[in-house]
C-alpha atoms as a PDB file:
ATOM      1  CA  MET A   1      78.711 132.816 102.553  1.00  0.00           C
ATOM      2  CA  ARG A   2      78.974 129.113 101.743  1.00  0.00           C
ATOM      3  CA  SER A   3      76.144 126.720 102.564  1.00  0.00           C
ATOM      4  CA  ARG A   4      76.712 123.921 105.069  1.00  0.00           C
ATOM      5  CA  SER A   5      76.740 121.344 102.271  1.00  0.00           C
ATOM      6  CA  SER A   6      79.375 123.262 100.300  1.00  0.00           C
ATOM      7  CA  GLN A   7      81.442 123.719 103.465  1.00  0.00           C
ATOM      8  CA  ARG A   8      81.297 119.966 104.106  1.00  0.00           C
ATOM      9  CA  TRP A   9      82.317 119.264 100.502  1.00  0.00           C
ATOM     10  CA  LEU A  10      85.235 121.693 100.724  1.00  0.00           C
ATOM     11  CA  GLN A  11      86.466 120.195 104.004  1.00  0.00           C
ATOM     12  CA  ARG A  12      86.218 116.678 102.608  1.00  0.00           C
ATOM     13  CA  HIS A  13      88.000 117.747  99.426  1.00  0.00           C
ATOM     14  CA  VAL A  14      90.861 119.450 101.295  1.00  0.00           C
ATOM     15  CA  THR A  15      91.445 116.420 103.540  1.00  0.00           C
ATOM     16  CA  ASP A  16      90.966 113.808 100.797  1.00  0.00           C
ATOM     17  CA  PRO A  17      94.173 111.712 100.524  1.00  0.00           C
ATOM     18  CA  PHE A  18      93.613 111.123  96.804  1.00  0.00           C
ATOM     19  CA  VAL A  19      93.366 114.876  96.202  1.00  0.00           C
ATOM     20  CA  ARG A  20      96.713 115.305  97.959  1.00  0.00           C
ATOM     21  CA  ARG A  21      98.253 112.452  95.991  1.00  0.00           C
ATOM     22  CA  ALA A  22      96.993 113.954  92.735  1.00  0.00           C
ATOM     23  CA  ARG A  23      98.607 117.290  93.529  1.00  0.00           C
ATOM     24  CA  GLU A  24     101.878 115.724  94.647  1.00  0.00           C
ATOM     25  CA  SER A  25     102.166 113.484  91.574  1.00  0.00           C
ATOM     26  CA  GLY A  26     101.047 116.025  88.969  1.00  0.00           C
ATOM     27  CA  ARG A  27      97.772 114.255  88.199  1.00  0.00           C
ATOM     28  CA  ARG A  28      94.955 116.252  86.615  1.00  0.00           C
ATOM     29  CA  SER A  29      92.403 114.912  89.111  1.00  0.00           C
ATOM     30  CA  ARG A  30      91.824 112.353  91.850  1.00  0.00           C
ATOM     31  CA  ALA A  31      89.842 110.323  89.282  1.00  0.00           C
ATOM     32  CA  ALA A  32      93.182 109.169  87.871  1.00  0.00           C
ATOM     33  CA  PHE A  33      93.578 106.808  90.816  1.00  0.00           C
ATOM     34  CA  LYS A  34      90.287 105.097  90.013  1.00  0.00           C
ATOM     35  CA  LEU A  35      91.541 104.183  86.551  1.00  0.00           C
ATOM     36  CA  LEU A  36      94.992 103.246  87.852  1.00  0.00           C
ATOM     37  CA  GLU A  37      93.475 100.802  90.334  1.00  0.00           C
ATOM     38  CA  ILE A  38      91.103  99.254  87.811  1.00  0.00           C
ATOM     39  CA  ASP A  39      93.841  98.960  85.197  1.00  0.00           C
ATOM     40  CA  GLN A  40      96.253  97.361  87.652  1.00  0.00           C
ATOM     41  CA  ARG A  41      93.678  94.660  88.289  1.00  0.00           C
ATOM     42  CA  GLU A  42      92.247  94.255  84.811  1.00  0.00           C
ATOM     43  CA  ARG A  43      95.233  95.005  82.503  1.00  0.00           C
ATOM     44  CA  LEU A  44      92.995  97.148  80.356  1.00  0.00           C
ATOM     45  CA  LEU A  45      95.563  99.553  78.915  1.00  0.00           C
ATOM     46  CA  ARG A  46      98.484  98.013  77.042  1.00  0.00           C
ATOM     47  CA  PRO A  47     101.384  99.393  74.992  1.00  0.00           C
ATOM     48  CA  GLY A  48     100.265 100.156  71.447  1.00  0.00           C
ATOM     49  CA  ALA A  49      96.551 100.311  72.302  1.00  0.00           C
ATOM     50  CA  ARG A  50      94.179 102.849  70.751  1.00  0.00           C
ATOM     51  CA  VAL A  51      92.057 104.547  73.425  1.00  0.00           C
ATOM     52  CA  VAL A  52      89.155 107.011  73.293  1.00  0.00           C
ATOM     53  CA  ASP A  53      88.265 108.868  76.508  1.00  0.00           C
ATOM     54  CA  LEU A  54      84.716 110.280  76.568  1.00  0.00           C
ATOM     55  CA  GLY A  55      83.897 113.060  79.014  1.00  0.00           C
ATOM     56  CA  ALA A  56      87.618 113.462  79.469  1.00  0.00           C
ATOM     57  CA  ALA A  57      87.895 116.893  81.144  1.00  0.00           C
ATOM     58  CA  PRO A  58      90.048 117.795  83.001  1.00  0.00           C
ATOM     59  CA  GLY A  59      92.092 114.923  81.583  1.00  0.00           C
ATOM     60  CA  GLY A  60      92.929 112.667  84.531  1.00  0.00           C
ATOM     61  CA  TRP A  61      92.028 109.433  82.743  1.00  0.00           C
ATOM     62  CA  SER A  62      93.608 110.513  79.449  1.00  0.00           C
ATOM     63  CA  GLN A  63      96.836 111.284  81.282  1.00  0.00           C
ATOM     64  CA  VAL A  64      96.921 107.766  82.746  1.00  0.00           C
ATOM     65  CA  ALA A  65      96.006 106.175  79.408  1.00  0.00           C
ATOM     66  CA  ALA A  66      98.790 108.033  77.571  1.00  0.00           C
ATOM     67  CA  GLU A  67     101.320 106.698  80.067  1.00  0.00           C
ATOM     68  CA  ARG A  68     100.056 103.125  79.840  1.00  0.00           C
ATOM     69  CA  VAL A  69      99.800 102.769  76.041  1.00  0.00           C
ATOM     70  CA  ARG A  70     103.363 103.908  75.337  1.00  0.00           C
ATOM     71  CA  PRO A  71     105.110 103.097  73.108  1.00  0.00           C
ATOM     72  CA  GLY A  72     103.027 103.184  69.964  1.00  0.00           C
ATOM     73  CA  GLY A  73      99.610 103.815  71.461  1.00  0.00           C
ATOM     74  CA  VAL A  74      97.070 106.518  70.636  1.00  0.00           C
ATOM     75  CA  VAL A  75      94.799 108.376  73.053  1.00  0.00           C
ATOM     76  CA  VAL A  76      91.936 110.634  71.953  1.00  0.00           C
ATOM     77  CA  ALA A  77      90.179 112.765  74.580  1.00  0.00           C
ATOM     78  CA  VAL A  78      86.686 114.132  73.856  1.00  0.00           C
ATOM     79  CA  ASP A  79      84.689 116.613  75.913  1.00  0.00           C
ATOM     80  CA  LEU A  80      82.365 119.587  75.563  1.00  0.00           C
ATOM     81  CA  LEU A  81      84.701 121.453  77.914  1.00  0.00           C
ATOM     82  CA  GLU A  82      88.132 122.733  77.055  1.00  0.00           C
ATOM     83  CA  ILE A  83      91.025 120.466  78.089  1.00  0.00           C
ATOM     84  CA  ALA A  84      94.525 121.799  78.541  1.00  0.00           C
ATOM     85  CA  PRO A  85      97.038 119.966  76.294  1.00  0.00           C
ATOM     86  CA  ILE A  86      98.304 116.592  77.527  1.00  0.00           C
ATOM     87  CA  SER A  87     101.462 114.973  76.207  1.00  0.00           C
ATOM     88  CA  GLY A  88     100.602 112.041  73.947  1.00  0.00           C
ATOM     89  CA  VAL A  89      96.882 112.879  73.754  1.00  0.00           C
ATOM     90  CA  THR A  90      94.810 114.264  70.877  1.00  0.00           C
ATOM     91  CA  VAL A  91      92.159 116.534  72.395  1.00  0.00           C
ATOM     92  CA  LEU A  92      88.837 117.073  70.602  1.00  0.00           C
ATOM     93  CA  ARG A  93      86.266 119.537  71.882  1.00  0.00           C
ATOM     94  CA  GLY A  94      82.687 118.629  71.030  1.00  0.00           C
ATOM     95  CA  ASP A  95      79.797 116.233  71.605  1.00  0.00           C
ATOM     96  CA  PHE A  96      80.838 112.611  71.048  1.00  0.00           C
ATOM     97  CA  ARG A  97      77.346 111.903  69.709  1.00  0.00           C
ATOM     98  CA  ASP A  98      77.881 114.200  66.701  1.00  0.00           C
ATOM     99  CA  ALA A  99      78.869 112.547  63.422  1.00  0.00           C
ATOM    100  CA  ALA A 100      81.532 115.196  62.795  1.00  0.00           C
ATOM    101  CA  VAL A 101      83.165 114.492  66.151  1.00  0.00           C
ATOM    102  CA  GLN A 102      83.073 110.750  65.510  1.00  0.00           C
ATOM    103  CA  ALA A 103      84.720 111.349  62.132  1.00  0.00           C
ATOM    104  CA  ALA A 104      87.424 113.404  63.879  1.00  0.00           C
ATOM    105  CA  VAL A 105      87.958 110.548  66.348  1.00  0.00           C
ATOM    106  CA  ALA A 106      88.387 108.083  63.478  1.00  0.00           C
ATOM    107  CA  GLU A 107      90.882 110.421  61.828  1.00  0.00           C
ATOM    108  CA  ALA A 108      92.846 110.792  65.063  1.00  0.00           C
ATOM    109  CA  LEU A 109      92.962 106.997  65.337  1.00  0.00           C
ATOM    110  CA  GLY A 110      94.469 106.810  61.857  1.00  0.00           C
ATOM    111  CA  GLY A 111      91.339 105.343  60.300  1.00  0.00           C
ATOM    112  CA  SER A 112      91.294 102.426  62.752  1.00  0.00           C
ATOM    113  CA  LYS A 113      88.831 101.688  65.521  1.00  0.00           C
ATOM    114  CA  ALA A 114      89.628 101.943  69.220  1.00  0.00           C
ATOM    115  CA  ASP A 115      90.719  99.015  71.362  1.00  0.00           C
ATOM    116  CA  VAL A 116      89.361 100.642  74.532  1.00  0.00           C
ATOM    117  CA  VAL A 117      86.687 103.267  75.162  1.00  0.00           C
ATOM    118  CA  LEU A 118      86.685 105.009  78.543  1.00  0.00           C
ATOM    119  CA  SER A 119      83.702 106.961  79.839  1.00  0.00           C
ATOM    120  CA  ASP A 120      83.698 109.210  82.894  1.00  0.00           C
ATOM    121  CA  LEU A 121      80.692 111.038  81.483  1.00  0.00           C
ATOM    122  CA  SER A 122      78.458 112.987  83.833  1.00  0.00           C
ATOM    123  CA  PRO A 123      75.565 115.343  83.050  1.00  0.00           C
ATOM    124  CA  ASN A 124      75.160 118.788  84.554  1.00  0.00           C
ATOM    125  CA  LEU A 125      73.638 117.875  87.902  1.00  0.00           C
ATOM    126  CA  SER A 126      70.341 119.390  88.994  1.00  0.00           C
ATOM    127  CA  GLY A 127      70.292 117.948  92.503  1.00  0.00           C
ATOM    128  CA  ILE A 128      67.149 115.952  91.681  1.00  0.00           C
ATOM    129  CA  ALA A 129      68.343 112.358  91.996  1.00  0.00           C
ATOM    130  CA  SER A 130      65.860 110.743  89.604  1.00  0.00           C
ATOM    131  CA  ALA A 131      66.448 113.329  86.876  1.00  0.00           C
ATOM    132  CA  ASP A 132      70.226 113.231  87.255  1.00  0.00           C
ATOM    133  CA  GLN A 133      70.282 109.423  87.108  1.00  0.00           C
ATOM    134  CA  ALA A 134      68.105 109.416  83.989  1.00  0.00           C
ATOM    135  CA  ARG A 135      70.373 111.914  82.215  1.00  0.00           C
ATOM    136  CA  ALA A 136      73.488 110.016  83.245  1.00  0.00           C
ATOM    137  CA  ALA A 137      71.960 106.779  81.926  1.00  0.00           C
ATOM    138  CA  GLU A 138      71.093 108.506  78.648  1.00  0.00           C
ATOM    139  CA  LEU A 139      74.741 109.436  78.196  1.00  0.00           C
ATOM    140  CA  ILE A 140      75.885 105.874  78.898  1.00  0.00           C
ATOM    141  CA  HIS A 141      73.428 104.462  76.361  1.00  0.00           C
ATOM    142  CA  ALA A 142      74.830 106.948  73.837  1.00  0.00           C
ATOM    143  CA  ALA A 143      78.356 105.832  74.743  1.00  0.00           C
ATOM    144  CA  ILE A 144      77.357 102.203  74.110  1.00  0.00           C
ATOM    145  CA  GLU A 145      76.118 103.239  70.662  1.00  0.00           C
ATOM    146  CA  PHE A 146      79.433 105.050  70.151  1.00  0.00           C
ATOM    147  CA  CYS A 147      81.224 101.773  70.930  1.00  0.00           C
ATOM    148  CA  GLY A 148      79.182 100.050  68.242  1.00  0.00           C
ATOM    149  CA  ARG A 149      80.578 102.488  65.681  1.00  0.00           C
ATOM    150  CA  CYS A 150      84.069 103.252  66.958  1.00  0.00           C
ATOM    151  CA  LEU A 151      85.242 100.270  69.051  1.00  0.00           C
ATOM    152  CA  ALA A 152      86.905  97.296  67.399  1.00  0.00           C
ATOM    153  CA  PRO A 153      85.553  93.853  68.302  1.00  0.00           C
ATOM    154  CA  PRO A 154      86.476  92.413  70.747  1.00  0.00           C
ATOM    155  CA  GLY A 155      87.221  95.732  72.435  1.00  0.00           C
ATOM    156  CA  ALA A 156      86.601  96.870  76.008  1.00  0.00           C
ATOM    157  CA  PHE A 157      84.485  99.659  77.505  1.00  0.00           C
ATOM    158  CA  LEU A 158      84.917 101.100  81.014  1.00  0.00           C
ATOM    159  CA  ALA A 159      82.149 103.416  82.193  1.00  0.00           C
ATOM    160  CA  LYS A 160      81.155 105.274  85.324  1.00  0.00           C
ATOM    161  CA  VAL A 161      77.523 104.612  86.204  1.00  0.00           C
ATOM    162  CA  PHE A 162      75.264 105.527  89.126  1.00  0.00           C
ATOM    163  CA  GLN A 163      73.293 103.110  91.262  1.00  0.00           C
ATOM    164  CA  GLY A 164      69.577 103.777  91.057  1.00  0.00           C
ATOM    165  CA  GLU A 165      66.480 103.085  89.014  1.00  0.00           C
ATOM    166  CA  GLU A 166      68.355 103.334  85.701  1.00  0.00           C
ATOM    167  CA  PHE A 167      71.187 100.959  86.637  1.00  0.00           C
ATOM    168  CA  GLY A 168      69.410  97.785  85.548  1.00  0.00           C
ATOM    169  CA  GLY A 169      68.706  99.156  82.085  1.00  0.00           C
ATOM    170  CA  VAL A 170      72.325 100.203  81.594  1.00  0.00           C
ATOM    171  CA  LEU A 171      73.558  96.800  82.745  1.00  0.00           C
ATOM    172  CA  ALA A 172      71.152  95.005  80.380  1.00  0.00           C
ATOM    173  CA  ALA A 173      72.271  97.142  77.435  1.00  0.00           C
ATOM    174  CA  LEU A 174      75.913  96.354  78.139  1.00  0.00           C
ATOM    175  CA  ARG A 175      75.204  92.627  78.394  1.00  0.00           C
ATOM    176  CA  THR A 176      73.472  92.800  75.022  1.00  0.00           C
ATOM    177  CA  SER A 177      76.478  94.443  73.365  1.00  0.00           C
ATOM    178  CA  PHE A 178      79.370  92.759  75.197  1.00  0.00           C
ATOM    179  CA  ARG A 179      80.224  89.189  76.142  1.00  0.00           C
ATOM    180  CA  GLU A 180      81.357  89.958  79.702  1.00  0.00           C
ATOM    181  CA  VAL A 181      80.405  92.722  82.144  1.00  0.00           C
ATOM    182  CA  ARG A 182      81.971  93.243  85.581  1.00  0.00           C
ATOM    183  CA  THR A 183      81.233  95.740  88.358  1.00  0.00           C
ATOM    184  CA  ARG A 184      84.161  97.551  89.963  1.00  0.00           C
ATOM    185  CA  LYS A 185      84.280 100.006  92.908  1.00  0.00           C
ATOM    186  CA  PRO A 186      87.844 101.336  93.210  1.00  0.00           C
ATOM    187  CA  GLY A 187      89.158 102.606  96.521  1.00  0.00           C
ATOM    188  CA  ALA A 188      89.368 106.174  95.231  1.00  0.00           C
ATOM    189  CA  SER A 189      85.583 106.192  94.736  1.00  0.00           C
ATOM    190  CA  ARG A 190      84.106 107.628  97.929  1.00  0.00           C
ATOM    191  CA  ASP A 191      82.067 105.183 100.014  1.00  0.00           C
ATOM    192  CA  GLU A 192      79.053 107.501 100.151  1.00  0.00           C
ATOM    193  CA  SER A 193      79.060 108.032  96.389  1.00  0.00           C
ATOM    194  CA  ARG A 194      76.451 106.215  94.287  1.00  0.00           C
ATOM    195  CA  GLU A 195      78.961 105.909  91.470  1.00  0.00           C
ATOM    196  CA  THR A 196      80.350 102.565  90.419  1.00  0.00           C
ATOM    197  CA  TYR A 197      82.195 101.368  87.333  1.00  0.00           C
ATOM    198  CA  LEU A 198      81.196  98.769  84.779  1.00  0.00           C
ATOM    199  CA  LEU A 199      83.878  97.066  82.706  1.00  0.00           C
ATOM    200  CA  ALA A 200      82.526  95.433  79.564  1.00  0.00           C
ATOM    201  CA  ARG A 201      84.794  93.242  77.461  1.00  0.00           C
ATOM    202  CA  GLY A 202      84.343  91.465  74.170  1.00  0.00           C
ATOM    203  CA  LEU A 203      82.290  93.801  72.003  1.00  0.00           C
ATOM    204  CA  LYS A 204      80.026  91.645  69.905  1.00  0.00           C
ATOM    205  CA  SER A 205      80.220  92.098  66.169  1.00  0.00           C
ATOM    206  CA  PRO A 206      77.061  93.715  64.791  1.00  0.00           C
ATOM    207  CA  PRO A 207      74.767  91.458  62.743  1.00  0.00           C
ATOM    208  CA  ALA A 208      75.737  91.179  59.082  1.00  0.00           C
END
């Protein structure tokens, strides 16, 4: 028997207009509409761009990116979970923090660095808000370090973050590494959700 909270989640999921739109349009997930809205406003994904999608499963963002960077673009999806094949996307299964995975990303990009890094990373949730926020922030800090190695200056980084005690530290780290940081809350992000999105542009070149 389902708990009341799981019943509420299921009812909300079934009646969610973005879930219906995702099914009708062949999208991997409702998250695709978050990226579509942000990209429509920010012109983040352009034909020929090289994109790395961290925490990509089930592939909603990678699917959008592959459509937007045609012709000539490259999309690399990375996740610990298995991702079903996506047309125009190189899928890598592993931890993006591992040197071997980063080497595989570089190889998939043809030896070049990415123009855009996307991050919809989320830890396994425990239900303890403070612990979950801390683990989510840890992943974002790791993704910022990944950008330092794998993103070409002046590249862009779009990341899901959670409002809470760790938000200020994540924002400060982004402002240290990038010239411009904006907050975005797309319509497909539920009002009650603590998630928001930070778009950082202009990766600063590391000191010589």
